[in-house]
PDB file of N, CA and C in Angstrom:
ATOM      1  N   MET A   1      36.443 -67.460 -34.752  1.00  0.00           N
ATOM      2  CA  MET A   1      35.875 -66.491 -35.618  1.00  0.00           C
ATOM      3  C   MET A   1      35.865 -66.860 -37.126  1.00  0.00           C
ATOM      4  N   PRO A   2      34.866 -66.660 -37.914  1.00  0.00           N
ATOM      5  CA  PRO A   2      34.879 -67.046 -39.231  1.00  0.00           C
ATOM      6  C   PRO A   2      36.033 -66.370 -40.087  1.00  0.00           C
ATOM      7  N   ASP A   3      36.407 -66.848 -41.168  1.00  0.00           N
ATOM      8  CA  ASP A   3      37.622 -66.307 -41.981  1.00  0.00           C
ATOM      9  C   ASP A   3      37.278 -64.988 -42.455  1.00  0.00           C
ATOM     10  N   GLU A   4      36.100 -64.744 -42.743  1.00  0.00           N
ATOM     11  CA  GLU A   4      35.686 -63.443 -43.331  1.00  0.00           C
ATOM     12  C   GLU A   4      34.585 -62.898 -42.520  1.00  0.00           C
ATOM     13  N   ILE A   5      34.722 -61.632 -42.064  1.00  0.00           N
ATOM     14  CA  ILE A   5      33.602 -60.972 -41.338  1.00  0.00           C
ATOM     15  C   ILE A   5      33.053 -59.727 -42.335  1.00  0.00           C
ATOM     16  N   THR A   6      31.866 -59.888 -42.823  1.00  0.00           N
ATOM     17  CA  THR A   6      31.455 -59.030 -43.922  1.00  0.00           C
ATOM     18  C   THR A   6      31.032 -57.652 -43.376  1.00  0.00           C
ATOM     19  N   SER A   7      30.651 -57.536 -42.187  1.00  0.00           N
ATOM     20  CA  SER A   7      30.251 -56.090 -41.765  1.00  0.00           C
ATOM     21  C   SER A   7      30.476 -55.965 -40.278  1.00  0.00           C
ATOM     22  N   LYS A   8      30.371 -54.786 -39.786  1.00  0.00           N
ATOM     23  CA  LYS A   8      30.646 -54.443 -38.333  1.00  0.00           C
ATOM     24  C   LYS A   8      29.626 -55.129 -37.588  1.00  0.00           C
ATOM     25  N   THR A   9      28.346 -55.328 -38.035  1.00  0.00           N
ATOM     26  CA  THR A   9      27.403 -55.964 -37.287  1.00  0.00           C
ATOM     27  C   THR A   9      27.606 -57.469 -37.154  1.00  0.00           C
ATOM     28  N   ASP A  10      28.129 -58.024 -38.228  1.00  0.00           N
ATOM     29  CA  ASP A  10      28.497 -59.471 -38.117  1.00  0.00           C
ATOM     30  C   ASP A  10      29.708 -59.733 -37.038  1.00  0.00           C
ATOM     31  N   MET A  11      30.646 -58.694 -37.032  1.00  0.00           N
ATOM     32  CA  MET A  11      31.838 -58.782 -36.100  1.00  0.00           C
ATOM     33  C   MET A  11      31.282 -58.620 -34.659  1.00  0.00           C
ATOM     34  N   LEU A  12      30.514 -57.628 -34.511  1.00  0.00           N
ATOM     35  CA  LEU A  12      29.920 -57.386 -33.161  1.00  0.00           C
ATOM     36  C   LEU A  12      29.149 -58.611 -32.651  1.00  0.00           C
ATOM     37  N   GLN A  13      28.335 -59.174 -33.452  1.00  0.00           N
ATOM     38  CA  GLN A  13      27.638 -60.395 -33.180  1.00  0.00           C
ATOM     39  C   GLN A  13      28.475 -61.554 -32.799  1.00  0.00           C
ATOM     40  N   GLU A  14      29.645 -61.602 -33.510  1.00  0.00           N
ATOM     41  CA  GLU A  14      30.591 -62.705 -33.313  1.00  0.00           C
ATOM     42  C   GLU A  14      31.263 -62.551 -31.746  1.00  0.00           C
ATOM     43  N   VAL A  15      31.446 -61.181 -31.535  1.00  0.00           N
ATOM     44  CA  VAL A  15      32.083 -60.842 -30.212  1.00  0.00           C
ATOM     45  C   VAL A  15      31.034 -61.275 -29.051  1.00  0.00           C
ATOM     46  N   LEU A  16      29.827 -60.988 -29.274  1.00  0.00           N
ATOM     47  CA  LEU A  16      28.775 -61.410 -28.242  1.00  0.00           C
ATOM     48  C   LEU A  16      28.570 -62.841 -28.228  1.00  0.00           C
ATOM     49  N   THR A  17      28.803 -63.525 -29.238  1.00  0.00           N
ATOM     50  CA  THR A  17      28.688 -64.973 -29.428  1.00  0.00           C
ATOM     51  C   THR A  17      29.772 -65.660 -28.553  1.00  0.00           C
ATOM     52  N   ASP A  18      31.041 -65.100 -28.494  1.00  0.00           N
ATOM     53  CA  ASP A  18      32.102 -65.655 -27.885  1.00  0.00           C
ATOM     54  C   ASP A  18      32.007 -65.435 -26.325  1.00  0.00           C
ATOM     55  N   LEU A  19      31.044 -64.651 -25.761  1.00  0.00           N
ATOM     56  CA  LEU A  19      30.977 -64.436 -24.375  1.00  0.00           C
ATOM     57  C   LEU A  19      30.596 -65.743 -23.764  1.00  0.00           C
ATOM     58  N   PRO A  20      31.100 -66.045 -22.473  1.00  0.00           N
ATOM     59  CA  PRO A  20      30.661 -67.213 -21.823  1.00  0.00           C
ATOM     60  C   PRO A  20      29.091 -67.198 -21.534  1.00  0.00           C
ATOM     61  N   GLU A  21      28.498 -68.170 -21.374  1.00  0.00           N
ATOM     62  CA  GLU A  21      27.047 -68.137 -21.228  1.00  0.00           C
ATOM     63  C   GLU A  21      26.672 -67.409 -19.766  1.00  0.00           C
ATOM     64  N   GLY A  22      27.393 -67.501 -18.855  1.00  0.00           N
ATOM     65  CA  GLY A  22      27.024 -66.719 -17.575  1.00  0.00           C
ATOM     66  C   GLY A  22      27.043 -65.243 -17.851  1.00  0.00           C
ATOM     67  N   VAL A  23      27.944 -64.725 -18.727  1.00  0.00           N
ATOM     68  CA  VAL A  23      28.080 -63.366 -19.003  1.00  0.00           C
ATOM     69  C   VAL A  23      26.868 -62.910 -19.933  1.00  0.00           C
ATOM     70  N   ARG A  24      26.695 -63.738 -20.949  1.00  0.00           N
ATOM     71  CA  ARG A  24      25.651 -63.499 -21.810  1.00  0.00           C
ATOM     72  C   ARG A  24      24.213 -63.450 -21.121  1.00  0.00           C
ATOM     73  N   ASN A  25      24.081 -64.304 -20.099  1.00  0.00           N
ATOM     74  CA  ASN A  25      22.770 -64.384 -19.344  1.00  0.00           C
ATOM     75  C   ASN A  25      22.835 -63.017 -18.554  1.00  0.00           C
ATOM     76  N   PHE A  26      23.887 -62.611 -18.104  1.00  0.00           N
ATOM     77  CA  PHE A  26      23.967 -61.319 -17.166  1.00  0.00           C
ATOM     78  C   PHE A  26      23.531 -60.126 -18.018  1.00  0.00           C
ATOM     79  N   LEU A  27      23.855 -60.116 -19.279  1.00  0.00           N
ATOM     80  CA  LEU A  27      23.431 -58.929 -20.152  1.00  0.00           C
ATOM     81  C   LEU A  27      21.944 -58.775 -20.322  1.00  0.00           C
ATOM     82  N   GLU A  28      21.242 -59.898 -20.068  1.00  0.00           N
ATOM     83  CA  GLU A  28      19.784 -59.962 -20.303  1.00  0.00           C
ATOM     84  C   GLU A  28      19.036 -60.047 -18.929  1.00  0.00           C
ATOM     85  N   THR A  29      19.706 -60.158 -17.796  1.00  0.00           N
ATOM     86  CA  THR A  29      19.055 -60.287 -16.521  1.00  0.00           C
ATOM     87  C   THR A  29      18.689 -58.943 -16.023  1.00  0.00           C
ATOM     88  N   PRO A  30      17.309 -58.764 -15.732  1.00  0.00           N
ATOM     89  CA  PRO A  30      16.986 -57.375 -15.250  1.00  0.00           C
ATOM     90  C   PRO A  30      17.172 -57.463 -13.658  1.00  0.00           C
ATOM     91  N   ILE A  31      17.221 -56.286 -13.078  1.00  0.00           N
ATOM     92  CA  ILE A  31      17.297 -56.247 -11.622  1.00  0.00           C
ATOM     93  C   ILE A  31      15.888 -56.582 -11.163  1.00  0.00           C
ATOM     94  N   PRO A  32      15.596 -57.413 -10.272  1.00  0.00           N
ATOM     95  CA  PRO A  32      14.272 -57.789  -9.885  1.00  0.00           C
ATOM     96  C   PRO A  32      13.716 -56.574  -9.069  1.00  0.00           C
ATOM     97  N   THR A  33      12.377 -56.581  -8.848  1.00  0.00           N
ATOM     98  CA  THR A  33      11.553 -55.634  -8.069  1.00  0.00           C
ATOM     99  C   THR A  33      12.010 -55.803  -6.545  1.00  0.00           C
ATOM    100  N   LEU A  34      12.343 -54.614  -5.892  1.00  0.00           N
ATOM    101  CA  LEU A  34      12.855 -54.576  -4.625  1.00  0.00           C
ATOM    102  C   LEU A  34      11.789 -54.066  -3.649  1.00  0.00           C
ATOM    103  N   THR A  35      11.955 -54.365  -2.366  1.00  0.00           N
ATOM    104  CA  THR A  35      11.190 -54.006  -1.277  1.00  0.00           C
ATOM    105  C   THR A  35      11.296 -52.496  -1.029  1.00  0.00           C
ATOM    106  N   ALA A  36      10.328 -51.695  -1.032  1.00  0.00           N
ATOM    107  CA  ALA A  36      10.530 -50.283  -0.833  1.00  0.00           C
ATOM    108  C   ALA A  36      10.751 -49.929   0.707  1.00  0.00           C
ATOM    109  N   THR A  37      11.474 -48.950   1.103  1.00  0.00           N
ATOM    110  CA  THR A  37      11.735 -48.645   2.458  1.00  0.00           C
ATOM    111  C   THR A  37      11.721 -47.058   2.634  1.00  0.00           C
ATOM    112  N   THR A  38      11.660 -46.617   3.781  1.00  0.00           N
ATOM    113  CA  THR A  38      11.789 -45.112   3.975  1.00  0.00           C
ATOM    114  C   THR A  38      13.082 -44.859   4.837  1.00  0.00           C
ATOM    115  N   ALA A  39      13.364 -43.602   4.879  1.00  0.00           N
ATOM    116  CA  ALA A  39      14.483 -43.193   5.730  1.00  0.00           C
ATOM    117  C   ALA A  39      14.092 -43.465   7.198  1.00  0.00           C
ATOM    118  N   PRO A  40      14.992 -44.145   8.022  1.00  0.00           N
ATOM    119  CA  PRO A  40      14.822 -44.466   9.331  1.00  0.00           C
ATOM    120  C   PRO A  40      14.809 -43.050  10.242  1.00  0.00           C
ATOM    121  N   THR A  41      13.901 -43.106  11.215  1.00  0.00           N
ATOM    122  CA  THR A  41      13.961 -41.953  12.127  1.00  0.00           C
ATOM    123  C   THR A  41      14.266 -42.263  13.482  1.00  0.00           C
ATOM    124  N   ASP A  42      14.369 -43.622  13.826  1.00  0.00           N
ATOM    125  CA  ASP A  42      14.938 -43.945  15.295  1.00  0.00           C
ATOM    126  C   ASP A  42      15.487 -45.323  14.976  1.00  0.00           C
ATOM    127  N   VAL A  43      16.097 -45.741  16.045  1.00  0.00           N
ATOM    128  CA  VAL A  43      17.061 -47.071  16.103  1.00  0.00           C
ATOM    129  C   VAL A  43      16.052 -48.145  15.578  1.00  0.00           C
ATOM    130  N   ASP A  44      14.848 -48.289  15.948  1.00  0.00           N
ATOM    131  CA  ASP A  44      14.029 -49.521  15.565  1.00  0.00           C
ATOM    132  C   ASP A  44      13.864 -49.447  14.134  1.00  0.00           C
ATOM    133  N   SER A  45      13.501 -48.251  13.529  1.00  0.00           N
ATOM    134  CA  SER A  45      13.166 -48.200  12.159  1.00  0.00           C
ATOM    135  C   SER A  45      14.530 -48.445  11.375  1.00  0.00           C
ATOM    136  N   ALA A  46      15.760 -47.977  11.878  1.00  0.00           N
ATOM    137  CA  ALA A  46      17.028 -48.126  11.249  1.00  0.00           C
ATOM    138  C   ALA A  46      17.341 -49.696  11.194  1.00  0.00           C
ATOM    139  N   ILE A  47      16.943 -50.385  12.174  1.00  0.00           N
ATOM    140  CA  ILE A  47      17.212 -51.874  12.146  1.00  0.00           C
ATOM    141  C   ILE A  47      16.353 -52.452  11.065  1.00  0.00           C
ATOM    142  N   ILE A  48      15.084 -52.106  11.029  1.00  0.00           N
ATOM    143  CA  ILE A  48      14.187 -52.666   9.981  1.00  0.00           C
ATOM    144  C   ILE A  48      14.658 -52.380   8.607  1.00  0.00           C
ATOM    145  N   ALA A  49      15.178 -51.033   8.464  1.00  0.00           N
ATOM    146  CA  ALA A  49      15.572 -50.569   7.152  1.00  0.00           C
ATOM    147  C   ALA A  49      16.786 -51.316   6.758  1.00  0.00           C
ATOM    148  N   GLN A  50      17.715 -51.868   7.596  1.00  0.00           N
ATOM    149  CA  GLN A  50      18.911 -52.616   7.308  1.00  0.00           C
ATOM    150  C   GLN A  50      18.418 -54.028   6.900  1.00  0.00           C
ATOM    151  N   GLY A  51      17.444 -54.555   7.511  1.00  0.00           N
ATOM    152  CA  GLY A  51      16.832 -55.836   7.190  1.00  0.00           C
ATOM    153  C   GLY A  51      16.340 -55.809   5.779  1.00  0.00           C
ATOM    154  N   ILE A  52      15.659 -54.729   5.497  1.00  0.00           N
ATOM    155  CA  ILE A  52      15.017 -54.618   4.130  1.00  0.00           C
ATOM    156  C   ILE A  52      16.184 -54.488   3.057  1.00  0.00           C
ATOM    157  N   LEU A  53      17.285 -53.737   3.349  1.00  0.00           N
ATOM    158  CA  LEU A  53      18.300 -53.678   2.586  1.00  0.00           C
ATOM    159  C   LEU A  53      19.030 -54.964   2.304  1.00  0.00           C
ATOM    160  N   ALA A  54      19.243 -55.760   3.446  1.00  0.00           N
ATOM    161  CA  ALA A  54      19.818 -57.061   3.282  1.00  0.00           C
ATOM    162  C   ALA A  54      19.016 -57.920   2.307  1.00  0.00           C
ATOM    163  N   HIS A  55      17.643 -57.870   2.385  1.00  0.00           N
ATOM    164  CA  HIS A  55      16.754 -58.617   1.703  1.00  0.00           C
ATOM    165  C   HIS A  55      16.835 -58.224   0.236  1.00  0.00           C
ATOM    166  N   ASN A  56      16.898 -56.976  -0.003  1.00  0.00           N
ATOM    167  CA  ASN A  56      16.994 -56.484  -1.442  1.00  0.00           C
ATOM    168  C   ASN A  56      18.334 -56.898  -2.153  1.00  0.00           C
ATOM    169  N   LEU A  57      19.397 -56.745  -1.377  1.00  0.00           N
ATOM    170  CA  LEU A  57      20.722 -57.192  -1.870  1.00  0.00           C
ATOM    171  C   LEU A  57      20.749 -58.704  -2.207  1.00  0.00           C
ATOM    172  N   ASN A  58      20.131 -59.541  -1.259  1.00  0.00           N
ATOM    173  CA  ASN A  58      20.026 -60.924  -1.506  1.00  0.00           C
ATOM    174  C   ASN A  58      19.242 -61.184  -2.848  1.00  0.00           C
ATOM    175  N   THR A  59      18.152 -60.481  -2.961  1.00  0.00           N
ATOM    176  CA  THR A  59      17.319 -60.657  -4.138  1.00  0.00           C
ATOM    177  C   THR A  59      18.084 -60.329  -5.489  1.00  0.00           C
ATOM    178  N   ILE A  60      18.911 -59.299  -5.408  1.00  0.00           N
ATOM    179  CA  ILE A  60      19.712 -58.935  -6.550  1.00  0.00           C
ATOM    180  C   ILE A  60      20.749 -59.949  -6.818  1.00  0.00           C
ATOM    181  N   PHE A  61      21.479 -60.488  -5.794  1.00  0.00           N
ATOM    182  CA  PHE A  61      22.511 -61.424  -5.957  1.00  0.00           C
ATOM    183  C   PHE A  61      22.008 -62.769  -6.421  1.00  0.00           C
ATOM    184  N   GLN A  62      20.786 -63.096  -6.010  1.00  0.00           N
ATOM    185  CA  GLN A  62      20.183 -64.322  -6.588  1.00  0.00           C
ATOM    186  C   GLN A  62      19.932 -64.357  -7.993  1.00  0.00           C
ATOM    187  N   ALA A  63      19.526 -63.132  -8.497  1.00  0.00           N
ATOM    188  CA  ALA A  63      19.259 -63.003  -9.962  1.00  0.00           C
ATOM    189  C   ALA A  63      20.632 -63.261 -10.809  1.00  0.00           C
ATOM    190  N   PHE A  64      21.734 -62.987 -10.201  1.00  0.00           N
ATOM    191  CA  PHE A  64      22.999 -63.183 -10.891  1.00  0.00           C
ATOM    192  C   PHE A  64      23.754 -64.421 -10.459  1.00  0.00           C
ATOM    193  N   GLU A  65      23.022 -65.404  -9.902  1.00  0.00           N
ATOM    194  CA  GLU A  65      23.741 -66.603  -9.366  1.00  0.00           C
ATOM    195  C   GLU A  65      24.296 -67.277 -10.520  1.00  0.00           C
ATOM    196  N   GLY A  66      25.577 -67.820 -10.136  1.00  0.00           N
ATOM    197  CA  GLY A  66      26.472 -68.488 -11.144  1.00  0.00           C
ATOM    198  C   GLY A  66      27.423 -67.612 -11.972  1.00  0.00           C
ATOM    199  N   LEU A  67      27.284 -66.310 -11.947  1.00  0.00           N
ATOM    200  CA  LEU A  67      28.124 -65.375 -12.600  1.00  0.00           C
ATOM    201  C   LEU A  67      29.331 -65.176 -11.705  1.00  0.00           C
ATOM    202  N   THR A  68      30.573 -65.440 -12.421  1.00  0.00           N
ATOM    203  CA  THR A  68      31.864 -65.239 -11.681  1.00  0.00           C
ATOM    204  C   THR A  68      32.239 -63.769 -11.643  1.00  0.00           C
ATOM    205  N   LEU A  69      32.649 -63.340 -10.530  1.00  0.00           N
ATOM    206  CA  LEU A  69      32.974 -61.993 -10.373  1.00  0.00           C
ATOM    207  C   LEU A  69      34.118 -61.534 -11.242  1.00  0.00           C
ATOM    208  N   ALA A  70      35.040 -62.383 -11.578  1.00  0.00           N
ATOM    209  CA  ALA A  70      36.129 -61.997 -12.434  1.00  0.00           C
ATOM    210  C   ALA A  70      35.766 -61.794 -13.838  1.00  0.00           C
ATOM    211  N   ALA A  71      34.657 -62.506 -14.204  1.00  0.00           N
ATOM    212  CA  ALA A  71      34.139 -62.361 -15.643  1.00  0.00           C
ATOM    213  C   ALA A  71      33.486 -60.974 -15.921  1.00  0.00           C
ATOM    214  N   ILE A  72      33.039 -60.407 -15.031  1.00  0.00           N
ATOM    215  CA  ILE A  72      32.374 -59.069 -15.135  1.00  0.00           C
ATOM    216  C   ILE A  72      33.418 -58.054 -15.850  1.00  0.00           C
ATOM    217  N   PRO A  73      34.480 -57.653 -15.111  1.00  0.00           N
ATOM    218  CA  PRO A  73      35.439 -56.645 -15.610  1.00  0.00           C
ATOM    219  C   PRO A  73      36.069 -57.114 -16.885  1.00  0.00           C
ATOM    220  N   MET A  74      36.263 -58.464 -17.002  1.00  0.00           N
ATOM    221  CA  MET A  74      36.890 -59.049 -18.200  1.00  0.00           C
ATOM    222  C   MET A  74      36.202 -58.954 -19.480  1.00  0.00           C
ATOM    223  N   TYR A  75      34.728 -59.025 -19.425  1.00  0.00           N
ATOM    224  CA  TYR A  75      34.033 -59.088 -20.589  1.00  0.00           C
ATOM    225  C   TYR A  75      33.161 -57.833 -20.780  1.00  0.00           C
ATOM    226  N   ILE A  76      32.953 -56.977 -19.728  1.00  0.00           N
ATOM    227  CA  ILE A  76      32.101 -55.848 -19.819  1.00  0.00           C
ATOM    228  C   ILE A  76      32.743 -54.747 -20.833  1.00  0.00           C
ATOM    229  N   GLY A  77      34.067 -54.671 -20.804  1.00  0.00           N
ATOM    230  CA  GLY A  77      34.618 -53.762 -21.783  1.00  0.00           C
ATOM    231  C   GLY A  77      34.432 -54.159 -23.307  1.00  0.00           C
ATOM    232  N   GLN A  78      34.053 -55.411 -23.587  1.00  0.00           N
ATOM    233  CA  GLN A  78      33.862 -55.813 -25.017  1.00  0.00           C
ATOM    234  C   GLN A  78      32.622 -54.983 -25.439  1.00  0.00           C
ATOM    235  N   LEU A  79      31.640 -54.571 -24.693  1.00  0.00           N
ATOM    236  CA  LEU A  79      30.521 -53.971 -25.054  1.00  0.00           C
ATOM    237  C   LEU A  79      30.692 -52.494 -25.205  1.00  0.00           C
ATOM    238  N   ASN A  80      31.728 -51.966 -24.781  1.00  0.00           N
ATOM    239  CA  ASN A  80      32.086 -50.536 -24.833  1.00  0.00           C
ATOM    240  C   ASN A  80      32.261 -50.081 -26.417  1.00  0.00           C
ATOM    241  N   THR A  81      31.522 -49.177 -26.868  1.00  0.00           N
ATOM    242  CA  THR A  81      31.688 -48.797 -28.154  1.00  0.00           C
ATOM    243  C   THR A  81      33.082 -48.324 -28.581  1.00  0.00           C
ATOM    244  N   VAL A  82      33.677 -47.684 -27.680  1.00  0.00           N
ATOM    245  CA  VAL A  82      35.096 -47.140 -27.878  1.00  0.00           C
ATOM    246  C   VAL A  82      35.934 -48.316 -28.220  1.00  0.00           C
ATOM    247  N   ASN A  83      35.924 -49.293 -27.317  1.00  0.00           N
ATOM    248  CA  ASN A  83      36.781 -50.523 -27.542  1.00  0.00           C
ATOM    249  C   ASN A  83      36.465 -51.375 -28.876  1.00  0.00           C
ATOM    250  N   GLN A  84      35.136 -51.208 -29.099  1.00  0.00           N
ATOM    251  CA  GLN A  84      34.764 -51.937 -30.353  1.00  0.00           C
ATOM    252  C   GLN A  84      35.281 -51.088 -31.607  1.00  0.00           C
ATOM    253  N   GLY A  85      35.257 -49.791 -31.389  1.00  0.00           N
ATOM    254  CA  GLY A  85      35.814 -48.910 -32.595  1.00  0.00           C
ATOM    255  C   GLY A  85      37.254 -49.231 -32.760  1.00  0.00           C
ATOM    256  N   ILE A  86      37.868 -49.182 -31.630  1.00  0.00           N
ATOM    257  CA  ILE A  86      39.392 -49.513 -31.772  1.00  0.00           C
ATOM    258  C   ILE A  86      39.648 -50.824 -32.390  1.00  0.00           C
ATOM    259  N   LEU A  87      38.898 -51.862 -32.053  1.00  0.00           N
ATOM    260  CA  LEU A  87      39.078 -53.124 -32.608  1.00  0.00           C
ATOM    261  C   LEU A  87      38.784 -53.130 -34.112  1.00  0.00           C
ATOM    262  N   LEU A  88      37.742 -52.384 -34.488  1.00  0.00           N
ATOM    263  CA  LEU A  88      37.397 -52.288 -35.957  1.00  0.00           C
ATOM    264  C   LEU A  88      38.458 -51.559 -36.698  1.00  0.00           C
ATOM    265  N   ALA A  89      38.981 -50.465 -36.089  1.00  0.00           N
ATOM    266  CA  ALA A  89      39.971 -49.600 -36.722  1.00  0.00           C
ATOM    267  C   ALA A  89      41.182 -50.545 -37.004  1.00  0.00           C
ATOM    268  N   GLY A  90      41.489 -51.482 -36.133  1.00  0.00           N
ATOM    269  CA  GLY A  90      42.724 -52.295 -36.292  1.00  0.00           C
ATOM    270  C   GLY A  90      42.561 -53.354 -37.297  1.00  0.00           C
ATOM    271  N   LEU A  91      41.303 -53.531 -37.865  1.00  0.00           N
ATOM    272  CA  LEU A  91      41.280 -54.645 -38.930  1.00  0.00           C
ATOM    273  C   LEU A  91      41.714 -54.242 -40.210  1.00  0.00           C
TER     274      LEU A  91
END
């Protein structure tokens, strides 16, 4: 971090800059368009609905490929305004 942070905005930008690349990319990655499905009414349509769900989940997970699961809870709190306020109050 720089020796002097002149404003809250500069400090928040510095926090975002310190995030690992995978987490920064996660913040800007939209959930992709998913295949629509309807509520199943029999066994065959339930099997098809589960296949569509599996495909949709794979599509979502592919969008976040390379993101480590441990990084999510570790860094997501940094974007919480309450945590940022506490950090700023401590300065």
